[in-house]
């Protein structure tokens, strides 16, 4: 908590002057021009170096156009375990910059939807794009849940009717955050239908817990 407070103080002090900057893992602040913002990295230009990329694993935080972002650790993900999220955003939407020419994709548009309540924050990351081949546009969803005491976890996406392994992954991701609601705790069971843990089911559990509709 002390670390986060120090980062925020630095962010505010620079933000008052309308400057873009980032904070290194060592705590140094670097004034720069932040050209593009992605969930897992940024593209920046400094006085000492032309356009270059920095991953969320490399820096603690940054500010762009008065919006403060913090590199958050996803505790149950090994590949790309950090993500840039707006600090203390509350209920909001944010559009990251588009990525172009990535593997099978011509471009990817990424939108973040944040809903908070009862001590948790629920993040829905929506990636949509056009494949290079003549396929229909594709949309992919990733859910995250966070609290100050438990940190952040990714909620696995149960995309089809399957075995208990898929269910248990979703249950393990959600249980510690939602178990103080007795009704929801009973639903976090392998005896429940797979629909409880798919895209719509997870969103319904979150809405029941926080007592309001998720941000559209």
C-alpha atoms as a PDB file:
ATOM      1  CA  UNK A   1       0.000   0.000   0.000  1.00  0.00           C
ATOM      2  CA  UNK A   2       2.881   2.351   0.836  1.00  0.00           C
ATOM      3  CA  UNK A   3       4.419   1.622  -2.583  1.00  0.00           C
ATOM      4  CA  UNK A   4       1.157   2.433  -4.358  1.00  0.00           C
ATOM      5  CA  UNK A   5       0.759   5.680  -2.420  1.00  0.00           C
ATOM      6  CA  UNK A   6       4.251   6.824  -3.376  1.00  0.00           C
ATOM      7  CA  UNK A   7       3.559   6.044  -7.016  1.00  0.00           C
ATOM      8  CA  UNK A   8       0.304   8.015  -6.932  1.00  0.00           C
ATOM      9  CA  UNK A   9       2.011  11.033  -5.324  1.00  0.00           C
ATOM     10  CA  UNK A  10       4.598  11.046  -8.119  1.00  0.00           C
ATOM     11  CA  UNK A  11       1.864  10.693 -10.730  1.00  0.00           C
ATOM     12  CA  UNK A  12      -0.117  13.612  -9.354  1.00  0.00           C
ATOM     13  CA  UNK A  13       2.939  15.877  -9.074  1.00  0.00           C
ATOM     14  CA  UNK A  14       3.762  15.366 -12.730  1.00  0.00           C
ATOM     15  CA  UNK A  15       0.151  15.342 -13.856  1.00  0.00           C
ATOM     16  CA  UNK A  16      -0.403  18.829 -12.461  1.00  0.00           C
ATOM     17  CA  UNK A  17       1.909  20.130 -15.171  1.00  0.00           C
ATOM     18  CA  UNK A  18       0.200  18.162 -17.940  1.00  0.00           C
ATOM     19  CA  UNK A  19       3.279  16.084 -18.709  1.00  0.00           C
ATOM     20  CA  UNK A  20       3.421  12.525 -19.957  1.00  0.00           C
ATOM     21  CA  UNK A  21       5.857  10.395 -17.975  1.00  0.00           C
ATOM     22  CA  UNK A  22       6.451   6.892 -16.694  1.00  0.00           C
ATOM     23  CA  UNK A  23       7.897   5.450 -13.492  1.00  0.00           C
ATOM     24  CA  UNK A  24      10.521   2.720 -13.719  1.00  0.00           C
ATOM     25  CA  UNK A  25      10.598  -0.366 -11.507  1.00  0.00           C
ATOM     26  CA  UNK A  26      13.391   1.369  -9.587  1.00  0.00           C
ATOM     27  CA  UNK A  27      11.108   4.346  -8.845  1.00  0.00           C
ATOM     28  CA  UNK A  28      12.656   6.849 -11.261  1.00  0.00           C
ATOM     29  CA  UNK A  29      10.309   9.152 -13.184  1.00  0.00           C
ATOM     30  CA  UNK A  30      11.014   9.765 -16.862  1.00  0.00           C
ATOM     31  CA  UNK A  31       9.400  12.622 -18.777  1.00  0.00           C
ATOM     32  CA  UNK A  32       8.388  11.500 -22.253  1.00  0.00           C
ATOM     33  CA  UNK A  33       5.822  11.592 -24.999  1.00  0.00           C
ATOM     34  CA  UNK A  34       3.550   8.578 -24.765  1.00  0.00           C
ATOM     35  CA  UNK A  35       2.366   7.870 -28.272  1.00  0.00           C
ATOM     36  CA  UNK A  36       0.309   4.709 -27.885  1.00  0.00           C
ATOM     37  CA  UNK A  37      -1.231   2.821 -24.968  1.00  0.00           C
ATOM     38  CA  UNK A  38      -1.974  -0.918 -25.016  1.00  0.00           C
ATOM     39  CA  UNK A  39      -3.040  -3.256 -22.187  1.00  0.00           C
ATOM     40  CA  UNK A  40       0.396  -4.892 -22.055  1.00  0.00           C
ATOM     41  CA  UNK A  41       2.688  -2.021 -23.055  1.00  0.00           C
ATOM     42  CA  UNK A  42       3.204   1.533 -24.239  1.00  0.00           C
ATOM     43  CA  UNK A  43       5.075   3.195 -27.086  1.00  0.00           C
ATOM     44  CA  UNK A  44       7.082   6.226 -25.962  1.00  0.00           C
ATOM     45  CA  UNK A  45       9.588   8.811 -27.136  1.00  0.00           C
ATOM     46  CA  UNK A  46      12.111  10.506 -24.835  1.00  0.00           C
ATOM     47  CA  UNK A  47      14.837  13.099 -25.310  1.00  0.00           C
ATOM     48  CA  UNK A  48      17.419  10.319 -25.207  1.00  0.00           C
ATOM     49  CA  UNK A  49      15.663   7.718 -27.335  1.00  0.00           C
ATOM     50  CA  UNK A  50      13.358   7.721 -30.348  1.00  0.00           C
ATOM     51  CA  UNK A  51      10.150   5.695 -30.478  1.00  0.00           C
ATOM     52  CA  UNK A  52      10.473   2.527 -28.427  1.00  0.00           C
ATOM     53  CA  UNK A  53       8.214   0.124 -26.547  1.00  0.00           C
ATOM     54  CA  UNK A  54       7.962  -0.588 -22.826  1.00  0.00           C
ATOM     55  CA  UNK A  55       6.085  -3.592 -21.505  1.00  0.00           C
ATOM     56  CA  UNK A  56       3.893  -3.568 -18.400  1.00  0.00           C
ATOM     57  CA  UNK A  57       6.480  -5.834 -16.766  1.00  0.00           C
ATOM     58  CA  UNK A  58       9.141  -3.114 -17.148  1.00  0.00           C
ATOM     59  CA  UNK A  59       7.555  -0.076 -15.481  1.00  0.00           C
ATOM     60  CA  UNK A  60       5.326   0.654 -12.494  1.00  0.00           C
ATOM     61  CA  UNK A  61       3.043   3.341 -13.862  1.00  0.00           C
ATOM     62  CA  UNK A  62       2.582   6.172 -16.326  1.00  0.00           C
ATOM     63  CA  UNK A  63       0.310   9.094 -17.080  1.00  0.00           C
ATOM     64  CA  UNK A  64      -1.066  10.202 -20.432  1.00  0.00           C
ATOM     65  CA  UNK A  65      -3.446  13.077 -21.075  1.00  0.00           C
ATOM     66  CA  UNK A  66      -4.155  13.356 -17.359  1.00  0.00           C
ATOM     67  CA  UNK A  67      -5.125   9.677 -16.997  1.00  0.00           C
ATOM     68  CA  UNK A  68      -3.047   7.662 -14.532  1.00  0.00           C
ATOM     69  CA  UNK A  69      -2.264   4.026 -15.273  1.00  0.00           C
ATOM     70  CA  UNK A  70      -0.748   1.447 -12.951  1.00  0.00           C
ATOM     71  CA  UNK A  71       0.883  -1.854 -13.912  1.00  0.00           C
ATOM     72  CA  UNK A  72      -1.202  -4.497 -12.124  1.00  0.00           C
ATOM     73  CA  UNK A  73       0.009  -8.035 -11.414  1.00  0.00           C
ATOM     74  CA  UNK A  74      -2.340 -10.817 -12.548  1.00  0.00           C
ATOM     75  CA  UNK A  75      -1.584 -13.382  -9.859  1.00  0.00           C
ATOM     76  CA  UNK A  76      -2.859 -16.483 -11.658  1.00  0.00           C
ATOM     77  CA  UNK A  77      -1.369 -15.884 -15.105  1.00  0.00           C
ATOM     78  CA  UNK A  78       2.185 -16.828 -16.092  1.00  0.00           C
ATOM     79  CA  UNK A  79       2.320 -15.406 -19.622  1.00  0.00           C
ATOM     80  CA  UNK A  80       2.181 -11.602 -19.673  1.00  0.00           C
ATOM     81  CA  UNK A  81       1.369 -11.388 -15.936  1.00  0.00           C
ATOM     82  CA  UNK A  82       1.069  -7.565 -15.850  1.00  0.00           C
ATOM     83  CA  UNK A  83      -1.541  -5.264 -17.364  1.00  0.00           C
ATOM     84  CA  UNK A  84      -1.919  -1.467 -17.524  1.00  0.00           C
ATOM     85  CA  UNK A  85      -5.190  -0.304 -15.977  1.00  0.00           C
ATOM     86  CA  UNK A  86      -6.498   3.178 -15.152  1.00  0.00           C
ATOM     87  CA  UNK A  87      -5.836   3.916 -11.488  1.00  0.00           C
ATOM     88  CA  UNK A  88      -8.888   4.144  -9.220  1.00  0.00           C
ATOM     89  CA  UNK A  89     -11.134   4.407 -12.278  1.00  0.00           C
ATOM     90  CA  UNK A  90     -14.498   3.484 -10.723  1.00  0.00           C
ATOM     91  CA  UNK A  91     -17.259   2.632 -13.192  1.00  0.00           C
ATOM     92  CA  UNK A  92     -15.916   3.618 -16.585  1.00  0.00           C
ATOM     93  CA  UNK A  93     -14.973   2.664 -20.121  1.00  0.00           C
ATOM     94  CA  UNK A  94     -11.602   3.170 -21.773  1.00  0.00           C
ATOM     95  CA  UNK A  95     -10.397   2.571 -25.325  1.00  0.00           C
ATOM     96  CA  UNK A  96      -6.778   1.542 -25.742  1.00  0.00           C
ATOM     97  CA  UNK A  97      -4.997   2.361 -28.994  1.00  0.00           C
ATOM     98  CA  UNK A  98      -5.363  -0.008 -31.927  1.00  0.00           C
ATOM     99  CA  UNK A  99      -2.657  -2.535 -32.711  1.00  0.00           C
ATOM    100  CA  UNK A 100      -1.865  -3.185 -36.364  1.00  0.00           C
ATOM    101  CA  UNK A 101      -0.448  -6.133 -38.332  1.00  0.00           C
ATOM    102  CA  UNK A 102      -0.302  -8.712 -35.559  1.00  0.00           C
ATOM    103  CA  UNK A 103       0.098 -12.286 -36.731  1.00  0.00           C
ATOM    104  CA  UNK A 104      -3.208 -13.343 -38.270  1.00  0.00           C
ATOM    105  CA  UNK A 105      -4.830  -9.963 -37.598  1.00  0.00           C
ATOM    106  CA  UNK A 106      -4.804  -6.748 -39.621  1.00  0.00           C
ATOM    107  CA  UNK A 107      -5.664  -4.778 -36.507  1.00  0.00           C
ATOM    108  CA  UNK A 108      -7.047  -5.212 -33.000  1.00  0.00           C
ATOM    109  CA  UNK A 109      -9.223  -2.722 -31.133  1.00  0.00           C
ATOM    110  CA  UNK A 110      -9.272  -3.112 -27.349  1.00  0.00           C
ATOM    111  CA  UNK A 111     -11.898  -1.689 -25.014  1.00  0.00           C
ATOM    112  CA  UNK A 112     -11.906  -1.857 -21.214  1.00  0.00           C
ATOM    113  CA  UNK A 113     -15.094  -1.773 -19.133  1.00  0.00           C
ATOM    114  CA  UNK A 114     -14.747  -1.332 -15.359  1.00  0.00           C
ATOM    115  CA  UNK A 115     -17.483  -1.888 -12.764  1.00  0.00           C
ATOM    116  CA  UNK A 116     -16.830  -1.609  -9.025  1.00  0.00           C
ATOM    117  CA  UNK A 117     -18.797  -2.222  -5.865  1.00  0.00           C
ATOM    118  CA  UNK A 118     -18.693  -3.946  -2.447  1.00  0.00           C
ATOM    119  CA  UNK A 119     -14.906  -3.842  -2.385  1.00  0.00           C
ATOM    120  CA  UNK A 120     -14.248  -5.516  -5.734  1.00  0.00           C
ATOM    121  CA  UNK A 121     -13.492  -4.281  -9.241  1.00  0.00           C
ATOM    122  CA  UNK A 122     -14.564  -6.261 -12.298  1.00  0.00           C
ATOM    123  CA  UNK A 123     -12.752  -5.663 -15.589  1.00  0.00           C
ATOM    124  CA  UNK A 124     -13.991  -6.754 -19.000  1.00  0.00           C
ATOM    125  CA  UNK A 125     -11.377  -6.523 -21.751  1.00  0.00           C
ATOM    126  CA  UNK A 126     -12.910  -6.747 -25.227  1.00  0.00           C
ATOM    127  CA  UNK A 127     -10.601  -7.306 -28.193  1.00  0.00           C
ATOM    128  CA  UNK A 128     -12.124  -7.077 -31.660  1.00  0.00           C
ATOM    129  CA  UNK A 129     -10.469  -7.091 -35.038  1.00  0.00           C
ATOM    130  CA  UNK A 130     -10.281  -8.134 -38.642  1.00  0.00           C
ATOM    131  CA  UNK A 131      -8.237 -11.197 -39.617  1.00  0.00           C
ATOM    132  CA  UNK A 132      -5.887 -10.847 -42.606  1.00  0.00           C
ATOM    133  CA  UNK A 133      -7.714 -13.610 -44.438  1.00  0.00           C
ATOM    134  CA  UNK A 134     -11.275 -13.139 -45.572  1.00  0.00           C
ATOM    135  CA  UNK A 135     -12.936 -14.210 -42.336  1.00  0.00           C
ATOM    136  CA  UNK A 136     -15.691 -12.579 -40.332  1.00  0.00           C
ATOM    137  CA  UNK A 137     -14.558 -10.057 -37.696  1.00  0.00           C
ATOM    138  CA  UNK A 138     -13.642 -11.723 -34.407  1.00  0.00           C
ATOM    139  CA  UNK A 139     -14.265 -10.687 -30.796  1.00  0.00           C
ATOM    140  CA  UNK A 140     -12.472 -12.056 -27.723  1.00  0.00           C
ATOM    141  CA  UNK A 141     -13.348 -11.379 -24.077  1.00  0.00           C
ATOM    142  CA  UNK A 142     -11.144 -11.541 -20.996  1.00  0.00           C
ATOM    143  CA  UNK A 143     -12.441 -11.026 -17.450  1.00  0.00           C
ATOM    144  CA  UNK A 144     -10.449  -9.910 -14.389  1.00  0.00           C
ATOM    145  CA  UNK A 145     -11.505  -9.492 -10.778  1.00  0.00           C
ATOM    146  CA  UNK A 146      -9.625  -7.454  -8.155  1.00  0.00           C
ATOM    147  CA  UNK A 147      -9.753  -6.378  -4.530  1.00  0.00           C
ATOM    148  CA  UNK A 148      -7.251  -4.480  -2.397  1.00  0.00           C
ATOM    149  CA  UNK A 149      -6.667  -7.480  -0.137  1.00  0.00           C
ATOM    150  CA  UNK A 150      -6.563 -10.284  -2.727  1.00  0.00           C
ATOM    151  CA  UNK A 151      -5.000  -8.522  -5.701  1.00  0.00           C
ATOM    152  CA  UNK A 152      -6.062  -9.365  -9.251  1.00  0.00           C
ATOM    153  CA  UNK A 153      -6.938 -12.639 -10.955  1.00  0.00           C
ATOM    154  CA  UNK A 154      -7.935 -13.498 -14.493  1.00  0.00           C
ATOM    155  CA  UNK A 155     -11.248 -15.360 -14.742  1.00  0.00           C
ATOM    156  CA  UNK A 156     -10.888 -18.225 -17.239  1.00  0.00           C
ATOM    157  CA  UNK A 157     -13.363 -18.122 -20.100  1.00  0.00           C
ATOM    158  CA  UNK A 158     -15.622 -21.176 -20.277  1.00  0.00           C
ATOM    159  CA  UNK A 159     -16.447 -21.147 -23.964  1.00  0.00           C
ATOM    160  CA  UNK A 160     -18.230 -24.461 -24.365  1.00  0.00           C
ATOM    161  CA  UNK A 161     -19.887 -27.275 -22.459  1.00  0.00           C
ATOM    162  CA  UNK A 162     -17.027 -29.197 -20.964  1.00  0.00           C
ATOM    163  CA  UNK A 163     -15.651 -31.131 -18.051  1.00  0.00           C
ATOM    164  CA  UNK A 164     -15.198 -30.143 -14.442  1.00  0.00           C
ATOM    165  CA  UNK A 165     -11.667 -28.874 -15.098  1.00  0.00           C
ATOM    166  CA  UNK A 166     -13.059 -25.779 -16.796  1.00  0.00           C
ATOM    167  CA  UNK A 167     -15.574 -25.221 -14.021  1.00  0.00           C
ATOM    168  CA  UNK A 168     -13.025 -25.577 -11.248  1.00  0.00           C
ATOM    169  CA  UNK A 169     -10.741 -23.005 -12.870  1.00  0.00           C
ATOM    170  CA  UNK A 170     -13.556 -20.434 -12.876  1.00  0.00           C
ATOM    171  CA  UNK A 171     -14.581 -21.341  -9.317  1.00  0.00           C
ATOM    172  CA  UNK A 172     -11.012 -21.022  -8.044  1.00  0.00           C
ATOM    173  CA  UNK A 173     -10.669 -17.588  -9.637  1.00  0.00           C
ATOM    174  CA  UNK A 174     -13.909 -16.238  -8.140  1.00  0.00           C
ATOM    175  CA  UNK A 175     -14.359 -18.014  -4.808  1.00  0.00           C
ATOM    176  CA  UNK A 176     -12.209 -15.899  -2.474  1.00  0.00           C
ATOM    177  CA  UNK A 177     -13.741 -12.672  -3.811  1.00  0.00           C
ATOM    178  CA  UNK A 178     -17.405 -13.685  -3.662  1.00  0.00           C
ATOM    179  CA  UNK A 179     -17.659 -16.279  -0.896  1.00  0.00           C
ATOM    180  CA  UNK A 180     -18.982 -13.845   1.741  1.00  0.00           C
ATOM    181  CA  UNK A 181     -22.269 -13.819  -0.200  1.00  0.00           C
ATOM    182  CA  UNK A 182     -23.967 -17.034   0.955  1.00  0.00           C
ATOM    183  CA  UNK A 183     -26.199 -17.352  -2.105  1.00  0.00           C
ATOM    184  CA  UNK A 184     -23.276 -16.985  -4.511  1.00  0.00           C
ATOM    185  CA  UNK A 185     -21.039 -19.296  -2.486  1.00  0.00           C
ATOM    186  CA  UNK A 186     -23.579 -22.105  -2.990  1.00  0.00           C
ATOM    187  CA  UNK A 187     -23.480 -21.514  -6.759  1.00  0.00           C
ATOM    188  CA  UNK A 188     -19.698 -21.799  -6.864  1.00  0.00           C
ATOM    189  CA  UNK A 189     -19.991 -25.568  -7.003  1.00  0.00           C
ATOM    190  CA  UNK A 190     -19.145 -28.275  -9.529  1.00  0.00           C
ATOM    191  CA  UNK A 191     -22.780 -29.398  -9.248  1.00  0.00           C
ATOM    192  CA  UNK A 192     -23.915 -26.192 -10.950  1.00  0.00           C
ATOM    193  CA  UNK A 193     -24.642 -26.076 -14.675  1.00  0.00           C
ATOM    194  CA  UNK A 194     -21.776 -24.994 -16.954  1.00  0.00           C
ATOM    195  CA  UNK A 195     -23.966 -21.974 -17.829  1.00  0.00           C
ATOM    196  CA  UNK A 196     -23.258 -20.567 -14.362  1.00  0.00           C
ATOM    197  CA  UNK A 197     -19.615 -20.173 -15.366  1.00  0.00           C
ATOM    198  CA  UNK A 198     -19.772 -19.090 -19.012  1.00  0.00           C
ATOM    199  CA  UNK A 199     -19.639 -15.489 -20.294  1.00  0.00           C
ATOM    200  CA  UNK A 200     -23.172 -14.534 -19.244  1.00  0.00           C
ATOM    201  CA  UNK A 201     -23.086 -16.606 -16.074  1.00  0.00           C
ATOM    202  CA  UNK A 202     -19.993 -14.940 -14.639  1.00  0.00           C
ATOM    203  CA  UNK A 203     -21.431 -11.497 -15.339  1.00  0.00           C
ATOM    204  CA  UNK A 204     -24.646 -12.440 -13.528  1.00  0.00           C
ATOM    205  CA  UNK A 205     -22.654 -13.593 -10.480  1.00  0.00           C
ATOM    206  CA  UNK A 206     -20.781 -10.279 -10.377  1.00  0.00           C
ATOM    207  CA  UNK A 207     -24.002  -8.273 -10.739  1.00  0.00           C
ATOM    208  CA  UNK A 208     -25.610 -10.263  -7.911  1.00  0.00           C
ATOM    209  CA  UNK A 209     -22.592  -9.664  -5.676  1.00  0.00           C
ATOM    210  CA  UNK A 210     -22.218  -5.920  -6.210  1.00  0.00           C
ATOM    211  CA  UNK A 211     -25.983  -5.323  -6.390  1.00  0.00           C
ATOM    212  CA  UNK A 212     -26.103  -3.420  -9.672  1.00  0.00           C
ATOM    213  CA  UNK A 213     -25.870  -3.877 -13.418  1.00  0.00           C
ATOM    214  CA  UNK A 214     -22.451  -3.945 -15.005  1.00  0.00           C
ATOM    215  CA  UNK A 215     -21.388  -0.979 -17.096  1.00  0.00           C
ATOM    216  CA  UNK A 216     -22.573  -1.483 -20.702  1.00  0.00           C
END
